[in-house]
Amino acid sequence: MTKKAPFWKRKSLADMTAQEWENLCDGCGKCCLNKLEDADTGEVALTRVACRLFDDATCRCGQYEIRKTLVPECIQLTPEGMKDVAYFMPETCAYRLLNEGKDLYWWHPLVSGDPETVHQAGISARGITVAEFDIPEEDWEDYIIEEPGL
């Protein structure tokens, strides 16, 4: 008997169910770190400055269901919108990887079976953030970091 390939290898992003789509999130929290985009080059720099809704202990949004109401500039990923925002997502992000035709890393909870492997592998934003309201936006440049896990 042949084992069935996991859904992310069998389906396109657009063909995934809502639950499959949500399960792609590895819980790294890097998408919740504020980014700075160079207007001239389009280069995106990651900062340690986390969104005001980010929970550093869980690496999840503290108000996920109503995040767009509380933070209108929050990027809500959809299969249709991936082509426009994929460049803005972390390089290790499952949505970005699959959009680029790549596979998930060994530490992704869907592969490892353990939601802690993303943290154990040093990929997540756990323990490295500063709160958005504690740092004036004009100082965010001082908090630019290399993406964890790269």
N, C-alpha and C. Protein backbone atom coordinates (compact mmCIF):
# COMPACT_ATOMS: atom_id res chain seq x y z
N MET A 1 0.85 -1.18 0.00
CA MET A 1 0.00 0.00 0.00
C MET A 1 0.89 1.25 0.00
N THR A 2 0.60 2.19 -0.87
CA THR A 2 1.38 3.41 -0.99
C THR A 2 0.84 4.46 -0.03
N LYS A 3 1.75 5.10 0.67
CA LYS A 3 1.35 6.15 1.59
C LYS A 3 1.01 7.42 0.81
N LYS A 4 -0.08 8.07 1.17
CA LYS A 4 -0.54 9.28 0.51
C LYS A 4 0.36 10.46 0.90
N ALA A 5 0.77 11.25 -0.09
CA ALA A 5 1.62 12.42 0.17
C ALA A 5 0.85 13.43 1.02
N PRO A 6 1.56 14.18 1.87
CA PRO A 6 0.88 15.19 2.69
C PRO A 6 0.22 16.27 1.82
N PHE A 7 -0.80 16.91 2.37
CA PHE A 7 -1.60 17.85 1.60
C PHE A 7 -0.79 18.95 0.93
N TRP A 8 0.27 19.45 1.59
CA TRP A 8 1.04 20.56 1.01
C TRP A 8 1.87 20.13 -0.20
N LYS A 9 2.03 18.83 -0.37
CA LYS A 9 2.73 18.31 -1.55
C LYS A 9 1.76 17.93 -2.67
N ARG A 10 0.49 17.73 -2.30
CA ARG A 10 -0.52 17.31 -3.27
C ARG A 10 -1.35 18.46 -3.81
N LYS A 11 -1.47 19.53 -3.03
CA LYS A 11 -2.39 20.61 -3.38
C LYS A 11 -1.65 21.92 -3.62
N SER A 12 -2.22 22.74 -4.48
CA SER A 12 -1.71 24.10 -4.63
C SER A 12 -2.23 24.91 -3.44
N LEU A 13 -1.66 26.06 -3.20
CA LEU A 13 -2.14 26.92 -2.12
C LEU A 13 -3.62 27.24 -2.31
N ALA A 14 -4.00 27.50 -3.55
CA ALA A 14 -5.39 27.87 -3.85
C ALA A 14 -6.37 26.72 -3.62
N ASP A 15 -5.89 25.48 -3.67
CA ASP A 15 -6.77 24.32 -3.51
C ASP A 15 -6.89 23.83 -2.07
N MET A 16 -6.17 24.43 -1.16
CA MET A 16 -6.20 24.00 0.24
C MET A 16 -7.48 24.46 0.92
N THR A 17 -7.92 23.64 1.88
CA THR A 17 -9.06 24.04 2.70
C THR A 17 -8.59 25.15 3.65
N ALA A 18 -9.53 25.82 4.28
CA ALA A 18 -9.19 26.88 5.24
C ALA A 18 -8.33 26.31 6.37
N GLN A 19 -8.66 25.11 6.84
CA GLN A 19 -7.89 24.49 7.93
C GLN A 19 -6.48 24.13 7.47
N GLU A 20 -6.34 23.59 6.28
CA GLU A 20 -5.02 23.27 5.74
C GLU A 20 -4.18 24.55 5.61
N TRP A 21 -4.80 25.60 5.12
CA TRP A 21 -4.12 26.89 4.96
C TRP A 21 -3.59 27.37 6.32
N GLU A 22 -4.43 27.35 7.33
CA GLU A 22 -4.02 27.79 8.66
C GLU A 22 -2.93 26.90 9.23
N ASN A 23 -2.98 25.60 8.95
CA ASN A 23 -1.98 24.66 9.45
C ASN A 23 -0.60 24.89 8.85
N LEU A 24 -0.52 25.62 7.76
CA LEU A 24 0.78 25.91 7.16
C LEU A 24 1.63 26.83 8.04
N CYS A 25 0.98 27.61 8.87
CA CYS A 25 1.73 28.50 9.76
C CYS A 25 2.57 27.66 10.71
N ASP A 26 3.89 27.95 10.72
CA ASP A 26 4.78 27.17 11.58
C ASP A 26 4.89 27.71 13.00
N GLY A 27 4.29 28.88 13.25
CA GLY A 27 4.32 29.46 14.58
C GLY A 27 5.62 30.17 14.92
N CYS A 28 6.38 30.56 13.90
CA CYS A 28 7.67 31.22 14.16
C CYS A 28 7.49 32.65 14.64
N GLY A 29 6.41 33.31 14.24
CA GLY A 29 6.14 34.68 14.66
C GLY A 29 6.91 35.74 13.89
N LYS A 30 7.75 35.35 12.95
CA LYS A 30 8.56 36.35 12.23
C LYS A 30 7.72 37.26 11.34
N CYS A 31 6.55 36.79 10.93
CA CYS A 31 5.69 37.66 10.12
C CYS A 31 5.14 38.81 10.96
N CYS A 32 5.15 38.66 12.28
CA CYS A 32 4.65 39.70 13.19
C CYS A 32 5.72 40.71 13.59
N LEU A 33 6.92 40.53 13.09
CA LEU A 33 7.98 41.50 13.34
C LEU A 33 7.86 42.60 12.31
N ASN A 34 7.96 43.84 12.76
CA ASN A 34 7.86 44.96 11.83
C ASN A 34 9.05 44.95 10.88
N LYS A 35 8.77 45.33 9.66
CA LYS A 35 9.78 45.35 8.61
C LYS A 35 9.92 46.76 8.07
N LEU A 36 11.08 47.05 7.55
CA LEU A 36 11.34 48.33 6.91
C LEU A 36 11.67 48.05 5.45
N GLU A 37 10.99 48.75 4.56
CA GLU A 37 11.23 48.54 3.14
C GLU A 37 11.89 49.78 2.55
N ASP A 38 13.02 49.57 1.88
CA ASP A 38 13.74 50.66 1.23
C ASP A 38 12.94 51.08 0.00
N ALA A 39 12.52 52.34 -0.03
CA ALA A 39 11.68 52.85 -1.12
C ALA A 39 12.39 52.80 -2.47
N ASP A 40 13.72 52.92 -2.46
CA ASP A 40 14.47 52.93 -3.72
C ASP A 40 14.76 51.53 -4.24
N THR A 41 15.16 50.63 -3.35
CA THR A 41 15.59 49.29 -3.79
C THR A 41 14.52 48.22 -3.61
N GLY A 42 13.53 48.47 -2.74
CA GLY A 42 12.52 47.46 -2.44
C GLY A 42 13.00 46.42 -1.44
N GLU A 43 14.25 46.58 -0.98
CA GLU A 43 14.80 45.63 -0.01
C GLU A 43 14.03 45.73 1.30
N VAL A 44 13.73 44.57 1.88
CA VAL A 44 12.97 44.50 3.11
C VAL A 44 13.90 44.07 4.24
N ALA A 45 13.92 44.86 5.31
CA ALA A 45 14.73 44.55 6.48
C ALA A 45 13.81 44.18 7.64
N LEU A 46 14.17 43.13 8.33
CA LEU A 46 13.42 42.64 9.49
C LEU A 46 13.93 43.33 10.75
N THR A 47 13.01 43.68 11.64
CA THR A 47 13.41 44.27 12.93
C THR A 47 12.97 43.36 14.07
N ARG A 48 13.50 43.63 15.25
CA ARG A 48 13.09 42.93 16.48
C ARG A 48 11.83 43.56 17.07
N VAL A 49 11.33 44.61 16.45
CA VAL A 49 10.17 45.34 16.94
C VAL A 49 8.90 44.59 16.52
N ALA A 50 8.23 44.01 17.50
CA ALA A 50 7.06 43.18 17.22
C ALA A 50 5.78 44.01 17.19
N CYS A 51 4.84 43.55 16.40
CA CYS A 51 3.50 44.13 16.36
C CYS A 51 2.94 44.18 17.78
N ARG A 52 2.14 45.17 18.02
CA ARG A 52 1.56 45.35 19.36
C ARG A 52 0.69 44.18 19.80
N LEU A 53 0.24 43.34 18.87
CA LEU A 53 -0.60 42.19 19.22
C LEU A 53 0.20 40.90 19.42
N PHE A 54 1.49 40.94 19.16
CA PHE A 54 2.33 39.75 19.21
C PHE A 54 2.57 39.30 20.65
N ASP A 55 2.40 38.00 20.87
CA ASP A 55 2.68 37.39 22.16
C ASP A 55 4.03 36.68 22.03
N ASP A 56 5.06 37.23 22.64
CA ASP A 56 6.42 36.72 22.52
C ASP A 56 6.57 35.30 23.07
N ALA A 57 5.78 34.95 24.06
CA ALA A 57 5.89 33.62 24.66
C ALA A 57 5.35 32.52 23.75
N THR A 58 4.26 32.82 23.04
CA THR A 58 3.65 31.81 22.18
C THR A 58 4.04 31.97 20.71
N CYS A 59 4.59 33.13 20.36
CA CYS A 59 4.90 33.47 18.95
C CYS A 59 3.64 33.48 18.10
N ARG A 60 2.56 33.90 18.67
CA ARG A 60 1.28 33.99 17.97
C ARG A 60 0.67 35.37 18.19
N CYS A 61 -0.27 35.69 17.34
CA CYS A 61 -1.01 36.94 17.50
C CYS A 61 -1.95 36.79 18.68
N GLY A 62 -1.94 37.77 19.56
CA GLY A 62 -2.79 37.73 20.73
C GLY A 62 -4.26 37.99 20.43
N GLN A 63 -4.55 38.51 19.23
CA GLN A 63 -5.93 38.81 18.83
C GLN A 63 -6.14 38.40 17.38
N TYR A 64 -5.75 37.19 17.05
CA TYR A 64 -5.71 36.73 15.65
C TYR A 64 -7.03 36.96 14.90
N GLU A 65 -8.14 36.61 15.50
CA GLU A 65 -9.44 36.70 14.81
C GLU A 65 -9.83 38.14 14.47
N ILE A 66 -9.38 39.10 15.25
CA ILE A 66 -9.77 40.50 15.00
C ILE A 66 -8.57 41.39 14.68
N ARG A 67 -7.46 40.78 14.28
CA ARG A 67 -6.22 41.52 14.06
C ARG A 67 -6.37 42.63 13.02
N LYS A 68 -7.12 42.39 11.95
CA LYS A 68 -7.27 43.40 10.89
C LYS A 68 -8.06 44.61 11.39
N THR A 69 -8.92 44.41 12.35
CA THR A 69 -9.68 45.51 12.94
C THR A 69 -8.77 46.36 13.82
N LEU A 70 -7.93 45.68 14.60
CA LEU A 70 -7.05 46.36 15.54
C LEU A 70 -5.79 46.92 14.88
N VAL A 71 -5.30 46.23 13.86
CA VAL A 71 -4.09 46.64 13.14
C VAL A 71 -4.41 46.57 11.64
N PRO A 72 -5.02 47.62 11.10
CA PRO A 72 -5.45 47.59 9.69
C PRO A 72 -4.33 47.30 8.70
N GLU A 73 -3.10 47.65 9.04
CA GLU A 73 -1.97 47.41 8.12
C GLU A 73 -1.45 45.98 8.18
N CYS A 74 -2.00 45.15 9.05
CA CYS A 74 -1.60 43.74 9.13
C CYS A 74 -1.87 43.07 7.78
N ILE A 75 -0.88 42.34 7.31
CA ILE A 75 -1.03 41.63 6.04
C ILE A 75 -1.76 40.32 6.29
N GLN A 76 -2.91 40.17 5.66
CA GLN A 76 -3.67 38.93 5.78
C GLN A 76 -3.37 38.10 4.54
N LEU A 77 -2.69 36.98 4.75
CA LEU A 77 -2.31 36.14 3.63
C LEU A 77 -3.51 35.39 3.05
N THR A 78 -3.56 35.39 1.74
CA THR A 78 -4.55 34.59 1.01
C THR A 78 -3.83 33.98 -0.18
N PRO A 79 -4.32 32.86 -0.69
CA PRO A 79 -3.69 32.28 -1.88
C PRO A 79 -3.64 33.27 -3.05
N GLU A 80 -4.72 34.04 -3.20
CA GLU A 80 -4.81 34.99 -4.31
C GLU A 80 -3.81 36.15 -4.15
N GLY A 81 -3.52 36.52 -2.93
CA GLY A 81 -2.65 37.66 -2.69
C GLY A 81 -1.17 37.34 -2.53
N MET A 82 -0.83 36.06 -2.54
CA MET A 82 0.57 35.66 -2.30
C MET A 82 1.56 36.30 -3.26
N LYS A 83 1.19 36.43 -4.52
CA LYS A 83 2.12 36.98 -5.50
C LYS A 83 2.51 38.41 -5.16
N ASP A 84 1.63 39.13 -4.46
CA ASP A 84 1.90 40.53 -4.12
C ASP A 84 2.66 40.71 -2.81
N VAL A 85 2.57 39.73 -1.90
CA VAL A 85 3.18 39.91 -0.58
C VAL A 85 4.23 38.87 -0.21
N ALA A 86 4.44 37.87 -1.04
CA ALA A 86 5.39 36.79 -0.70
C ALA A 86 6.77 37.34 -0.38
N TYR A 87 7.22 38.35 -1.11
CA TYR A 87 8.55 38.92 -0.88
C TYR A 87 8.68 39.53 0.51
N PHE A 88 7.56 39.88 1.12
CA PHE A 88 7.53 40.53 2.42
C PHE A 88 7.53 39.53 3.57
N MET A 89 7.28 38.27 3.25
CA MET A 89 7.21 37.22 4.27
C MET A 89 8.62 36.70 4.57
N PRO A 90 8.82 36.15 5.77
CA PRO A 90 10.13 35.58 6.10
C PRO A 90 10.54 34.52 5.08
N GLU A 91 11.84 34.38 4.87
CA GLU A 91 12.34 33.42 3.87
C GLU A 91 12.03 31.98 4.23
N THR A 92 11.81 31.70 5.52
CA THR A 92 11.51 30.34 5.96
C THR A 92 10.00 30.08 6.06
N CYS A 93 9.18 31.06 5.74
CA CYS A 93 7.72 30.96 5.86
C CYS A 93 7.18 29.89 4.91
N ALA A 94 6.34 29.00 5.43
CA ALA A 94 5.76 27.92 4.63
C ALA A 94 4.98 28.46 3.45
N TYR A 95 4.24 29.52 3.66
CA TYR A 95 3.45 30.10 2.56
C TYR A 95 4.37 30.56 1.43
N ARG A 96 5.44 31.24 1.80
CA ARG A 96 6.39 31.72 0.80
C ARG A 96 7.11 30.54 0.12
N LEU A 97 7.56 29.58 0.93
CA LEU A 97 8.26 28.42 0.38
C LEU A 97 7.41 27.69 -0.65
N LEU A 98 6.17 27.38 -0.28
CA LEU A 98 5.30 26.64 -1.18
C LEU A 98 4.94 27.48 -2.40
N ASN A 99 4.76 28.78 -2.21
CA ASN A 99 4.49 29.69 -3.33
C ASN A 99 5.64 29.68 -4.32
N GLU A 100 6.87 29.48 -3.82
CA GLU A 100 8.07 29.46 -4.66
C GLU A 100 8.40 28.05 -5.16
N GLY A 101 7.52 27.07 -4.88
CA GLY A 101 7.74 25.71 -5.35
C GLY A 101 8.73 24.91 -4.51
N LYS A 102 8.99 25.37 -3.30
CA LYS A 102 9.93 24.68 -2.40
C LYS A 102 9.15 23.86 -1.38
N ASP A 103 9.86 23.01 -0.64
CA ASP A 103 9.23 22.17 0.37
C ASP A 103 9.42 22.78 1.76
N LEU A 104 8.72 22.24 2.72
CA LEU A 104 8.84 22.68 4.11
C LEU A 104 10.12 22.12 4.72
N TYR A 105 10.66 22.85 5.69
CA TYR A 105 11.87 22.43 6.40
C TYR A 105 11.53 21.35 7.42
N TRP A 106 12.56 20.61 7.86
CA TRP A 106 12.39 19.51 8.81
C TRP A 106 11.77 19.95 10.12
N TRP A 107 11.99 21.20 10.52
CA TRP A 107 11.51 21.68 11.81
C TRP A 107 10.06 22.16 11.77
N HIS A 108 9.47 22.24 10.58
CA HIS A 108 8.08 22.69 10.49
C HIS A 108 7.19 21.68 11.23
N PRO A 109 6.27 22.15 12.06
CA PRO A 109 5.43 21.23 12.82
C PRO A 109 4.68 20.19 11.99
N LEU A 110 4.33 20.52 10.76
CA LEU A 110 3.66 19.52 9.90
C LEU A 110 4.61 18.39 9.52
N VAL A 111 5.91 18.68 9.47
CA VAL A 111 6.90 17.66 9.13
C VAL A 111 7.37 16.93 10.38
N SER A 112 7.71 17.70 11.42
CA SER A 112 8.27 17.11 12.64
C SER A 112 7.22 16.49 13.54
N GLY A 113 5.98 16.99 13.45
CA GLY A 113 4.92 16.52 14.33
C GLY A 113 4.95 17.19 15.69
N ASP A 114 5.82 18.19 15.86
CA ASP A 114 5.99 18.85 17.16
C ASP A 114 6.05 20.37 16.96
N PRO A 115 5.11 21.12 17.55
CA PRO A 115 5.11 22.58 17.38
C PRO A 115 6.31 23.28 18.03
N GLU A 116 7.07 22.57 18.83
CA GLU A 116 8.23 23.19 19.48
C GLU A 116 9.50 23.16 18.62
N THR A 117 9.53 22.33 17.58
CA THR A 117 10.78 22.21 16.80
C THR A 117 11.15 23.52 16.12
N VAL A 118 10.18 24.34 15.76
CA VAL A 118 10.48 25.63 15.13
C VAL A 118 11.27 26.52 16.11
N HIS A 119 10.97 26.40 17.38
CA HIS A 119 11.67 27.18 18.41
C HIS A 119 13.01 26.53 18.75
N GLN A 120 13.01 25.22 18.89
CA GLN A 120 14.24 24.49 19.21
C GLN A 120 15.30 24.67 18.13
N ALA A 121 14.87 24.81 16.89
CA ALA A 121 15.80 24.98 15.77
C ALA A 121 16.31 26.42 15.64
N GLY A 122 15.81 27.32 16.48
CA GLY A 122 16.27 28.71 16.44
C GLY A 122 15.68 29.51 15.28
N ILE A 123 14.54 29.09 14.80
CA ILE A 123 13.90 29.74 13.65
C ILE A 123 12.96 30.86 14.09
N SER A 124 12.39 30.75 15.27
CA SER A 124 11.32 31.65 15.68
C SER A 124 11.82 32.97 16.28
N ALA A 125 10.85 33.83 16.51
CA ALA A 125 11.11 35.14 17.12
C ALA A 125 10.98 35.09 18.64
N ARG A 126 10.76 33.92 19.18
CA ARG A 126 10.58 33.78 20.63
C ARG A 126 11.79 34.34 21.38
N GLY A 127 11.50 35.25 22.31
CA GLY A 127 12.54 35.78 23.19
C GLY A 127 13.45 36.85 22.60
N ILE A 128 13.19 37.31 21.39
CA ILE A 128 14.08 38.32 20.79
C ILE A 128 13.41 39.66 20.54
N THR A 129 12.13 39.76 20.85
CA THR A 129 11.38 40.95 20.44
C THR A 129 11.36 42.06 21.49
N VAL A 130 11.09 43.25 20.98
CA VAL A 130 10.77 44.41 21.82
C VAL A 130 9.40 44.88 21.37
N ALA A 131 8.66 45.47 22.28
CA ALA A 131 7.30 45.89 21.98
C ALA A 131 7.26 47.14 21.11
N GLU A 132 6.37 47.11 20.16
CA GLU A 132 6.18 48.20 19.20
C GLU A 132 5.99 49.56 19.88
N PHE A 133 5.21 49.59 20.95
CA PHE A 133 4.92 50.86 21.61
C PHE A 133 6.09 51.37 22.46
N ASP A 134 7.10 50.52 22.69
CA ASP A 134 8.26 50.94 23.48
C ASP A 134 9.33 51.62 22.64
N ILE A 135 9.24 51.50 21.32
CA ILE A 135 10.28 52.02 20.44
C ILE A 135 9.65 52.99 19.44
N PRO A 136 10.10 54.24 19.42
CA PRO A 136 9.57 55.17 18.42
C PRO A 136 9.89 54.66 17.01
N GLU A 137 8.95 54.80 16.10
CA GLU A 137 9.11 54.27 14.75
C GLU A 137 10.38 54.79 14.07
N GLU A 138 10.75 56.02 14.35
CA GLU A 138 11.96 56.56 13.73
C GLU A 138 13.24 55.87 14.22
N ASP A 139 13.14 55.08 15.31
CA ASP A 139 14.29 54.34 15.84
C ASP A 139 14.30 52.86 15.42
N TRP A 140 13.29 52.41 14.69
CA TRP A 140 13.22 50.99 14.32
C TRP A 140 14.44 50.53 13.55
N GLU A 141 15.04 51.43 12.81
CA GLU A 141 16.24 51.09 12.05
C GLU A 141 17.34 50.53 12.95
N ASP A 142 17.37 51.00 14.20
CA ASP A 142 18.37 50.53 15.17
C ASP A 142 18.11 49.09 15.61
N TYR A 143 16.98 48.53 15.24
CA TYR A 143 16.58 47.18 15.69
C TYR A 143 16.55 46.18 14.54
N ILE A 144 17.16 46.52 13.41
CA ILE A 144 17.22 45.61 12.28
C ILE A 144 18.05 44.39 12.66
N ILE A 145 17.56 43.22 12.27
CA ILE A 145 18.23 41.94 12.57
C ILE A 145 18.29 41.08 11.31
N GLU A 146 19.13 40.08 11.35
CA GLU A 146 19.12 39.03 10.33
C GLU A 146 17.96 38.10 10.69
N GLU A 147 17.33 37.54 9.70
CA GLU A 147 16.22 36.64 9.98
C GLU A 147 16.71 35.42 10.76
N PRO A 148 16.09 35.13 11.92
CA PRO A 148 16.47 33.93 12.67
C PRO A 148 16.35 32.68 11.81
N GLY A 149 17.36 31.84 11.88
CA GLY A 149 17.33 30.58 11.16
C GLY A 149 17.99 30.60 9.81
N LEU A 150 18.49 31.76 9.39
CA LEU A 150 19.16 31.81 8.08
C LEU A 150 20.65 31.80 8.23
